[in-house]
Amino acid sequence: YGNTTPFAPADATIAKNAECLDDAIGEIWGRYGGKARGIVLI
């Protein structure tokens, strides 16, 4: 979606999304977490 790097067609699963976004959100937290207590996912 958008400009986010796509998966190979067969890999666009819930499990693969979770694995990929787990890593990316860790990077987001390190870059933009600031003084927040932590992350809430919606």
All heavy atoms as atom14 arrays in JSON, in Angstrom:
{
  "sequence": "YGNTTPFAPADATIAKNAECLDDAIGEIWGRYGGKARGIVLI",
  "atom14_mask": [
    [1, 1, 1, 1, 1, 1, 1, 1, 1, 1, 1, 1, 0, 0],
    [1, 1, 1, 1, 0, 0, 0, 0, 0, 0, 0, 0, 0, 0],
    [1, 1, 1, 1, 1, 1, 1, 1, 0, 0, 0, 0, 0, 0],
    [1, 1, 1, 1, 1, 1, 1, 0, 0, 0, 0, 0, 0, 0],
    [1, 1, 1, 1, 1, 1, 1, 0, 0, 0, 0, 0, 0, 0],
    [1, 1, 1, 1, 1, 1, 1, 0, 0, 0, 0, 0, 0, 0],
    [1, 1, 1, 1, 1, 1, 1, 1, 1, 1, 1, 0, 0, 0],
    [1, 1, 1, 1, 1, 0, 0, 0, 0, 0, 0, 0, 0, 0],
    [1, 1, 1, 1, 1, 1, 1, 0, 0, 0, 0, 0, 0, 0],
    [1, 1, 1, 1, 1, 0, 0, 0, 0, 0, 0, 0, 0, 0],
    [1, 1, 1, 1, 1, 1, 1, 1, 0, 0, 0, 0, 0, 0],
    [1, 1, 1, 1, 1, 0, 0, 0, 0, 0, 0, 0, 0, 0],
    [1, 1, 1, 1, 1, 1, 1, 0, 0, 0, 0, 0, 0, 0],
    [1, 1, 1, 1, 1, 1, 1, 1, 0, 0, 0, 0, 0, 0],
    [1, 1, 1, 1, 1, 0, 0, 0, 0, 0, 0, 0, 0, 0],
    [1, 1, 1, 1, 1, 1, 1, 1, 1, 0, 0, 0, 0, 0],
    [1, 1, 1, 1, 1, 1, 1, 1, 0, 0, 0, 0, 0, 0],
    [1, 1, 1, 1, 1, 0, 0, 0, 0, 0, 0, 0, 0, 0],
    [1, 1, 1, 1, 1, 1, 1, 1, 1, 0, 0, 0, 0, 0],
    [1, 1, 1, 1, 1, 1, 0, 0, 0, 0, 0, 0, 0, 0],
    [1, 1, 1, 1, 1, 1, 1, 1, 0, 0, 0, 0, 0, 0],
    [1, 1, 1, 1, 1, 1, 1, 1, 0, 0, 0, 0, 0, 0],
    [1, 1, 1, 1, 1, 1, 1, 1, 0, 0, 0, 0, 0, 0],
    [1, 1, 1, 1, 1, 0, 0, 0, 0, 0, 0, 0, 0, 0],
    [1, 1, 1, 1, 1, 1, 1, 1, 0, 0, 0, 0, 0, 0],
    [1, 1, 1, 1, 0, 0, 0, 0, 0, 0, 0, 0, 0, 0],
    [1, 1, 1, 1, 1, 1, 1, 1, 1, 0, 0, 0, 0, 0],
    [1, 1, 1, 1, 1, 1, 1, 1, 0, 0, 0, 0, 0, 0],
    [1, 1, 1, 1, 1, 1, 1, 1, 1, 1, 1, 1, 1, 1],
    [1, 1, 1, 1, 0, 0, 0, 0, 0, 0, 0, 0, 0, 0],
    [1, 1, 1, 1, 1, 1, 1, 1, 1, 1, 1, 0, 0, 0],
    [1, 1, 1, 1, 1, 1, 1, 1, 1, 1, 1, 1, 0, 0],
    [1, 1, 1, 1, 0, 0, 0, 0, 0, 0, 0, 0, 0, 0],
    [1, 1, 1, 1, 0, 0, 0, 0, 0, 0, 0, 0, 0, 0],
    [1, 1, 1, 1, 1, 1, 1, 1, 1, 0, 0, 0, 0, 0],
    [1, 1, 1, 1, 1, 0, 0, 0, 0, 0, 0, 0, 0, 0],
    [1, 1, 1, 1, 1, 1, 1, 1, 1, 1, 1, 0, 0, 0],
    [1, 1, 1, 1, 0, 0, 0, 0, 0, 0, 0, 0, 0, 0],
    [1, 1, 1, 1, 1, 1, 1, 1, 0, 0, 0, 0, 0, 0],
    [1, 1, 1, 1, 1, 1, 1, 0, 0, 0, 0, 0, 0, 0],
    [1, 1, 1, 1, 1, 1, 1, 1, 0, 0, 0, 0, 0, 0],
    [1, 1, 1, 1, 1, 1, 1, 1, 0, 0, 0, 0, 0, 0]
  ],
  "atom14_positions": [
    [[0.84, -1.19, 0.0], [0.0, 0.0, 0.0], [0.88, 1.25, 0.0], [1.98, 1.25, 0.57], [-0.91, 0.03, 1.23], [-1.96, -1.06, 1.26], [-1.66, -2.32, 1.76], [-3.24, -0.82, 0.8], [-2.62, -3.32, 1.81], [-4.21, -1.81, 0.84], [-3.89, -3.06, 1.35], [-4.86, -4.05, 1.38], [0.0, 0.0, 0.0], [0.0, 0.0, 0.0]],
    [[0.38, 2.33, -0.6], [1.15, 3.57, -0.64], [2.51, 3.33, -1.27], [2.65, 2.61, -2.26], [0.0, 0.0, 0.0], [0.0, 0.0, 0.0], [0.0, 0.0, 0.0], [0.0, 0.0, 0.0], [0.0, 0.0, 0.0], [0.0, 0.0, 0.0], [0.0, 0.0, 0.0], [0.0, 0.0, 0.0], [0.0, 0.0, 0.0], [0.0, 0.0, 0.0]],
    [[3.54, 3.91, -0.65], [4.91, 3.73, -1.12], [5.67, 2.68, -0.31], [6.89, 2.57, -0.45], [5.67, 5.07, -1.07], [5.12, 6.07, -2.05], [4.69, 5.71, -3.14], [5.12, 7.34, -1.67], [0.0, 0.0, 0.0], [0.0, 0.0, 0.0], [0.0, 0.0, 0.0], [0.0, 0.0, 0.0], [0.0, 0.0, 0.0], [0.0, 0.0, 0.0]],
    [[4.97, 1.95, 0.54], [5.64, 0.93, 1.34], [6.07, -0.25, 0.46], [5.35, -0.66, -0.43], [4.72, 0.44, 2.47], [4.44, 1.54, 3.35], [5.36, -0.68, 3.27], [0.0, 0.0, 0.0], [0.0, 0.0, 0.0], [0.0, 0.0, 0.0], [0.0, 0.0, 0.0], [0.0, 0.0, 0.0], [0.0, 0.0, 0.0], [0.0, 0.0, 0.0]],
    [[7.25, -0.76, 0.75], [7.8, -1.89, -0.01], [6.81, -3.06, -0.03], [6.38, -3.52, 1.04], [9.12, -2.35, 0.61], [10.02, -1.23, 0.69], [9.76, -3.44, -0.24], [0.0, 0.0, 0.0], [0.0, 0.0, 0.0], [0.0, 0.0, 0.0], [0.0, 0.0, 0.0], [0.0, 0.0, 0.0], [0.0, 0.0, 0.0], [0.0, 0.0, 0.0]],
    [[6.44, -3.55, -1.2], [5.48, -4.66, -1.26], [6.13, -6.01, -1.02], [7.34, -6.17, -1.15], [4.94, -4.57, -2.69], [6.1, -4.01, -3.48], [6.8, -3.04, -2.55], [0.0, 0.0, 0.0], [0.0, 0.0, 0.0], [0.0, 0.0, 0.0], [0.0, 0.0, 0.0], [0.0, 0.0, 0.0], [0.0, 0.0, 0.0], [0.0, 0.0, 0.0]],
    [[5.31, -6.99, -0.67], [5.74, -8.37, -0.6], [5.69, -8.99, -1.99], [5.01, -8.49, -2.9], [4.8, -9.19, 0.3], [4.88, -8.86, 1.76], [3.76, -8.44, 2.46], [6.07, -9.0, 2.47], [3.8, -8.16, 3.81], [6.14, -8.73, 3.82], [5.0, -8.3, 4.49], [0.0, 0.0, 0.0], [0.0, 0.0, 0.0], [0.0, 0.0, 0.0]],
    [[6.35, -10.14, -2.14], [6.04, -10.99, -3.27], [4.57, -11.41, -3.13], [4.08, -11.56, -2.01], [6.94, -12.22, -3.26], [0.0, 0.0, 0.0], [0.0, 0.0, 0.0], [0.0, 0.0, 0.0], [0.0, 0.0, 0.0], [0.0, 0.0, 0.0], [0.0, 0.0, 0.0], [0.0, 0.0, 0.0], [0.0, 0.0, 0.0], [0.0, 0.0, 0.0]],
    [[3.84, -11.57, -4.24], [2.38, -11.79, -4.16], [1.95, -12.85, -3.16], [1.0, -12.63, -2.39], [2.01, -12.17, -5.59], [3.01, -11.44, -6.43], [4.29, -11.47, -5.65], [0.0, 0.0, 0.0], [0.0, 0.0, 0.0], [0.0, 0.0, 0.0], [0.0, 0.0, 0.0], [0.0, 0.0, 0.0], [0.0, 0.0, 0.0], [0.0, 0.0, 0.0]],
    [[2.62, -13.98, -3.12], [2.2, -15.07, -2.23], [2.51, -14.8, -0.78], [1.97, -15.47, 0.11], [2.87, -16.38, -2.66], [0.0, 0.0, 0.0], [0.0, 0.0, 0.0], [0.0, 0.0, 0.0], [0.0, 0.0, 0.0], [0.0, 0.0, 0.0], [0.0, 0.0, 0.0], [0.0, 0.0, 0.0], [0.0, 0.0, 0.0], [0.0, 0.0, 0.0]],
    [[3.36, -13.81, -0.5], [3.77, -13.53, 0.88], [2.92, -12.49, 1.59], [3.17, -12.15, 2.75], [5.23, -13.06, 0.9], [6.21, -14.18, 0.59], [5.82, -15.35, 0.75], [7.36, -13.88, 0.2], [0.0, 0.0, 0.0], [0.0, 0.0, 0.0], [0.0, 0.0, 0.0], [0.0, 0.0, 0.0], [0.0, 0.0, 0.0], [0.0, 0.0, 0.0]],
    [[1.91, -11.97, 0.9], [1.08, -10.91, 1.49], [0.06, -11.51, 2.46], [-1.15, -11.46, 2.25], [0.39, -10.12, 0.4], [0.0, 0.0, 0.0], [0.0, 0.0, 0.0], [0.0, 0.0, 0.0], [0.0, 0.0, 0.0], [0.0, 0.0, 0.0], [0.0, 0.0, 0.0], [0.0, 0.0, 0.0], [0.0, 0.0, 0.0], [0.0, 0.0, 0.0]],
    [[0.57, -12.1, 3.54], [-0.27, -12.76, 4.54], [-0.25, -11.98, 5.84], [0.57, -11.08, 6.04], [0.24, -14.18, 4.8], [1.56, -14.11, 5.36], [0.28, -15.0, 3.51], [0.0, 0.0, 0.0], [0.0, 0.0, 0.0], [0.0, 0.0, 0.0], [0.0, 0.0, 0.0], [0.0, 0.0, 0.0], [0.0, 0.0, 0.0], [0.0, 0.0, 0.0]],
    [[-1.14, -12.36, 6.75], [-1.18, -11.73, 8.07], [0.12, -11.96, 8.81], [0.69, -11.04, 9.4], [-2.38, -12.28, 8.86], [-3.69, -11.84, 8.19], [-2.34, -11.83, 10.32], [-4.9, -12.6, 8.66], [0.0, 0.0, 0.0], [0.0, 0.0, 0.0], [0.0, 0.0, 0.0], [0.0, 0.0, 0.0], [0.0, 0.0, 0.0], [0.0, 0.0, 0.0]],
    [[0.63, -13.19, 8.78], [1.86, -13.52, 9.5], [3.05, -12.75, 8.97], [3.87, -12.23, 9.74], [2.12, -15.02, 9.42], [0.0, 0.0, 0.0], [0.0, 0.0, 0.0], [0.0, 0.0, 0.0], [0.0, 0.0, 0.0], [0.0, 0.0, 0.0], [0.0, 0.0, 0.0], [0.0, 0.0, 0.0], [0.0, 0.0, 0.0], [0.0, 0.0, 0.0]],
    [[3.16, -12.64, 7.64], [4.29, -11.91, 7.05], [4.19, -10.41, 7.35], [5.2, -9.74, 7.6], [4.33, -12.14, 5.54], [4.83, -13.52, 5.12], [6.33, -13.64, 5.36], [6.88, -14.94, 4.8], [8.34, -15.08, 5.03], [0.0, 0.0, 0.0], [0.0, 0.0, 0.0], [0.0, 0.0, 0.0], [0.0, 0.0, 0.0], [0.0, 0.0, 0.0]],
    [[2.97, -9.86, 7.33], [2.77, -8.47, 7.71], [3.23, -8.24, 9.13], [3.92, -7.26, 9.43], [1.3, -8.09, 7.56], [0.95, -7.48, 6.23], [1.01, -6.26, 6.04], [0.59, -8.33, 5.27], [0.0, 0.0, 0.0], [0.0, 0.0, 0.0], [0.0, 0.0, 0.0], [0.0, 0.0, 0.0], [0.0, 0.0, 0.0], [0.0, 0.0, 0.0]],
    [[2.84, -9.13, 10.03], [3.2, -8.97, 11.45], [4.71, -9.01, 11.63], [5.28, -8.2, 12.37], [2.53, -10.06, 12.28], [0.0, 0.0, 0.0], [0.0, 0.0, 0.0], [0.0, 0.0, 0.0], [0.0, 0.0, 0.0], [0.0, 0.0, 0.0], [0.0, 0.0, 0.0], [0.0, 0.0, 0.0], [0.0, 0.0, 0.0], [0.0, 0.0, 0.0]],
    [[5.37, -9.94, 10.97], [6.83, -10.06, 11.08], [7.52, -8.8, 10.57], [8.41, -8.25, 11.23], [7.3, -11.28, 10.29], [8.8, -11.48, 10.3], [9.23, -12.67, 9.45], [8.35, -13.39, 8.92], [10.45, -12.87, 9.3], [0.0, 0.0, 0.0], [0.0, 0.0, 0.0], [0.0, 0.0, 0.0], [0.0, 0.0, 0.0], [0.0, 0.0, 0.0]],
    [[7.11, -8.35, 9.39], [7.72, -7.17, 8.78], [7.47, -5.92, 9.61], [8.39, -5.13, 9.87], [7.17, -7.0, 7.37], [7.71, -5.51, 6.51], [0.0, 0.0, 0.0], [0.0, 0.0, 0.0], [0.0, 0.0, 0.0], [0.0, 0.0, 0.0], [0.0, 0.0, 0.0], [0.0, 0.0, 0.0], [0.0, 0.0, 0.0], [0.0, 0.0, 0.0]],
    [[6.23, -5.71, 10.06], [5.89, -4.49, 10.79], [6.45, -4.51, 12.21], [6.75, -3.44, 12.76], [4.38, -4.3, 10.8], [3.76, -4.03, 9.43], [2.25, -3.87, 9.54], [4.39, -2.81, 8.76], [0.0, 0.0, 0.0], [0.0, 0.0, 0.0], [0.0, 0.0, 0.0], [0.0, 0.0, 0.0], [0.0, 0.0, 0.0], [0.0, 0.0, 0.0]],
    [[6.61, -5.66, 12.8], [7.27, -5.75, 14.11], [8.65, -5.11, 14.01], [9.02, -4.26, 14.84], [7.36, -7.22, 14.51], [7.97, -7.43, 15.9], [8.39, -6.45, 16.55], [8.04, -8.59, 16.33], [0.0, 0.0, 0.0], [0.0, 0.0, 0.0], [0.0, 0.0, 0.0], [0.0, 0.0, 0.0], [0.0, 0.0, 0.0], [0.0, 0.0, 0.0]],
    [[9.42, -5.49, 13.01], [10.77, -4.94, 12.84], [10.71, -3.44, 12.55], [11.47, -2.66, 13.13], [11.49, -5.66, 11.71], [11.82, -7.11, 12.05], [11.85, -7.45, 13.25], [12.04, -7.9, 11.11], [0.0, 0.0, 0.0], [0.0, 0.0, 0.0], [0.0, 0.0, 0.0], [0.0, 0.0, 0.0], [0.0, 0.0, 0.0], [0.0, 0.0, 0.0]],
    [[9.81, -3.04, 11.65], [9.73, -1.63, 11.25], [9.29, -0.75, 12.42], [9.81, 0.36, 12.61], [8.77, -1.47, 10.08], [0.0, 0.0, 0.0], [0.0, 0.0, 0.0], [0.0, 0.0, 0.0], [0.0, 0.0, 0.0], [0.0, 0.0, 0.0], [0.0, 0.0, 0.0], [0.0, 0.0, 0.0], [0.0, 0.0, 0.0], [0.0, 0.0, 0.0]],
    [[8.34, -1.23, 13.23], [7.86, -0.43, 14.37], [8.96, -0.28, 15.41], [9.06, 0.75, 16.07], [6.59, -1.07, 14.96], [5.43, -0.93, 13.96], [6.2, -0.4, 16.29], [4.19, -1.73, 14.31], [0.0, 0.0, 0.0], [0.0, 0.0, 0.0], [0.0, 0.0, 0.0], [0.0, 0.0, 0.0], [0.0, 0.0, 0.0], [0.0, 0.0, 0.0]],
    [[9.79, -1.3, 15.55], [10.94, -1.15, 16.43], [11.84, -0.01, 15.99], [12.34, 0.77, 16.81], [0.0, 0.0, 0.0], [0.0, 0.0, 0.0], [0.0, 0.0, 0.0], [0.0, 0.0, 0.0], [0.0, 0.0, 0.0], [0.0, 0.0, 0.0], [0.0, 0.0, 0.0], [0.0, 0.0, 0.0], [0.0, 0.0, 0.0], [0.0, 0.0, 0.0]],
    [[12.03, 0.11, 14.67], [12.82, 1.23, 14.12], [12.11, 2.55, 14.36], [12.73, 3.57, 14.69], [13.04, 1.01, 12.63], [13.9, -0.2, 12.28], [15.38, 0.1, 12.39], [15.76, 1.28, 12.43], [16.16, -0.87, 12.44], [0.0, 0.0, 0.0], [0.0, 0.0, 0.0], [0.0, 0.0, 0.0], [0.0, 0.0, 0.0], [0.0, 0.0, 0.0]],
    [[10.79, 2.57, 14.17], [10.01, 3.8, 14.41], [10.15, 4.24, 15.86], [10.34, 5.43, 16.15], [8.52, 3.56, 14.06], [8.35, 3.4, 12.55], [7.66, 4.72, 14.57], [6.94, 2.99, 12.14], [0.0, 0.0, 0.0], [0.0, 0.0, 0.0], [0.0, 0.0, 0.0], [0.0, 0.0, 0.0], [0.0, 0.0, 0.0], [0.0, 0.0, 0.0]],
    [[10.04, 3.29, 16.78], [10.16, 3.63, 18.2], [11.52, 4.24, 18.5], [11.62, 5.25, 19.21], [9.92, 2.4, 19.06], [10.2, 2.64, 20.52], [11.23, 2.17, 21.26], [9.43, 3.48, 21.4], [11.16, 2.63, 22.55], [10.06, 3.44, 22.66], [8.26, 4.22, 21.25], [9.57, 4.14, 23.76], [7.77, 4.92, 22.35], [8.41, 4.87, 23.58]],
    [[12.58, 3.66, 17.98], [13.91, 4.19, 18.22], [14.1, 5.58, 17.66], [14.84, 6.4, 18.21], [0.0, 0.0, 0.0], [0.0, 0.0, 0.0], [0.0, 0.0, 0.0], [0.0, 0.0, 0.0], [0.0, 0.0, 0.0], [0.0, 0.0, 0.0], [0.0, 0.0, 0.0], [0.0, 0.0, 0.0], [0.0, 0.0, 0.0], [0.0, 0.0, 0.0]],
    [[13.4, 5.88, 16.57], [13.57, 7.16, 15.89], [12.62, 8.23, 16.44], [12.98, 9.41, 16.51], [13.34, 6.97, 14.4], [13.9, 8.05, 13.51], [13.74, 7.69, 12.04], [14.41, 6.42, 11.71], [14.42, 5.88, 10.49], [13.78, 6.49, 9.5], [15.04, 4.73, 10.28], [0.0, 0.0, 0.0], [0.0, 0.0, 0.0], [0.0, 0.0, 0.0]],
    [[11.4, 7.84, 16.79], [10.36, 8.82, 17.1], [9.66, 8.61, 18.45], [8.67, 9.27, 18.75], [9.3, 8.84, 16.0], [9.84, 9.26, 14.66], [9.79, 8.4, 13.57], [10.42, 10.52, 14.49], [10.29, 8.79, 12.34], [10.92, 10.91, 13.27], [10.86, 10.04, 12.2], [11.37, 10.42, 10.98], [0.0, 0.0, 0.0], [0.0, 0.0, 0.0]],
    [[10.15, 7.69, 19.25], [9.47, 7.41, 20.52], [9.5, 8.56, 21.49], [8.56, 8.76, 22.26], [0.0, 0.0, 0.0], [0.0, 0.0, 0.0], [0.0, 0.0, 0.0], [0.0, 0.0, 0.0], [0.0, 0.0, 0.0], [0.0, 0.0, 0.0], [0.0, 0.0, 0.0], [0.0, 0.0, 0.0], [0.0, 0.0, 0.0], [0.0, 0.0, 0.0]],
    [[10.57, 9.35, 21.47], [10.66, 10.5, 22.35], [10.46, 10.12, 23.8], [11.03, 9.15, 24.29], [0.0, 0.0, 0.0], [0.0, 0.0, 0.0], [0.0, 0.0, 0.0], [0.0, 0.0, 0.0], [0.0, 0.0, 0.0], [0.0, 0.0, 0.0], [0.0, 0.0, 0.0], [0.0, 0.0, 0.0], [0.0, 0.0, 0.0], [0.0, 0.0, 0.0]],
    [[9.6, 10.85, 24.51], [9.34, 10.59, 25.93], [8.07, 9.8, 26.17], [7.61, 9.69, 27.31], [9.28, 11.92, 26.69], [10.6, 12.7, 26.69], [10.47, 13.99, 27.48], [11.81, 14.75, 27.5], [11.71, 16.01, 28.26], [0.0, 0.0, 0.0], [0.0, 0.0, 0.0], [0.0, 0.0, 0.0], [0.0, 0.0, 0.0], [0.0, 0.0, 0.0]],
    [[7.5, 9.26, 25.1], [6.28, 8.45, 25.25], [6.53, 7.25, 26.14], [7.65, 6.71, 26.2], [5.79, 7.99, 23.88], [0.0, 0.0, 0.0], [0.0, 0.0, 0.0], [0.0, 0.0, 0.0], [0.0, 0.0, 0.0], [0.0, 0.0, 0.0], [0.0, 0.0, 0.0], [0.0, 0.0, 0.0], [0.0, 0.0, 0.0], [0.0, 0.0, 0.0]],
    [[5.51, 6.8, 26.85], [5.63, 5.61, 27.71], [5.88, 4.35, 26.88], [6.48, 3.39, 27.35], [4.36, 5.42, 28.52], [4.07, 6.51, 29.54], [5.05, 6.45, 30.7], [4.69, 7.42, 31.71], [5.52, 7.82, 32.68], [6.75, 7.31, 32.75], [5.12, 8.7, 33.57], [0.0, 0.0, 0.0], [0.0, 0.0, 0.0], [0.0, 0.0, 0.0]],
    [[5.36, 4.35, 25.68], [5.47, 3.19, 24.81], [4.51, 3.35, 23.66], [4.02, 4.45, 23.38], [0.0, 0.0, 0.0], [0.0, 0.0, 0.0], [0.0, 0.0, 0.0], [0.0, 0.0, 0.0], [0.0, 0.0, 0.0], [0.0, 0.0, 0.0], [0.0, 0.0, 0.0], [0.0, 0.0, 0.0], [0.0, 0.0, 0.0], [0.0, 0.0, 0.0]],
    [[4.21, 2.27, 22.99], [3.37, 2.27, 21.79], [2.03, 1.6, 22.08], [1.98, 0.56, 22.74], [4.09, 1.55, 20.64], [5.26, 2.4, 20.12], [3.13, 1.22, 19.5], [6.14, 1.69, 19.11], [0.0, 0.0, 0.0], [0.0, 0.0, 0.0], [0.0, 0.0, 0.0], [0.0, 0.0, 0.0], [0.0, 0.0, 0.0], [0.0, 0.0, 0.0]],
    [[0.97, 2.19, 21.57], [-0.34, 1.54, 21.51], [-0.68, 1.36, 20.04], [-0.64, 2.33, 19.26], [-1.43, 2.37, 22.22], [-2.81, 1.78, 21.94], [-1.17, 2.42, 23.72], [0.0, 0.0, 0.0], [0.0, 0.0, 0.0], [0.0, 0.0, 0.0], [0.0, 0.0, 0.0], [0.0, 0.0, 0.0], [0.0, 0.0, 0.0], [0.0, 0.0, 0.0]],
    [[-0.98, 0.14, 19.65], [-1.37, -0.16, 18.28], [-2.89, -0.09, 18.15], [-3.62, -0.62, 19.0], [-0.9, -1.55, 17.87], [0.6, -1.84, 17.87], [0.85, -3.29, 17.46], [1.34, -0.89, 16.95], [0.0, 0.0, 0.0], [0.0, 0.0, 0.0], [0.0, 0.0, 0.0], [0.0, 0.0, 0.0], [0.0, 0.0, 0.0], [0.0, 0.0, 0.0]],
    [[-3.35, 0.56, 17.09], [-4.77, 0.57, 16.75], [-4.89, -0.09, 15.38], [-4.3, 0.38, 14.4], [-5.35, 1.99, 16.72], [-5.36, 2.58, 18.14], [-6.74, 2.0, 16.12], [-5.91, 3.99, 18.22], [0.0, 0.0, 0.0], [0.0, 0.0, 0.0], [0.0, 0.0, 0.0], [0.0, 0.0, 0.0], [0.0, 0.0, 0.0], [0.0, 0.0, 0.0]]
  ]
}
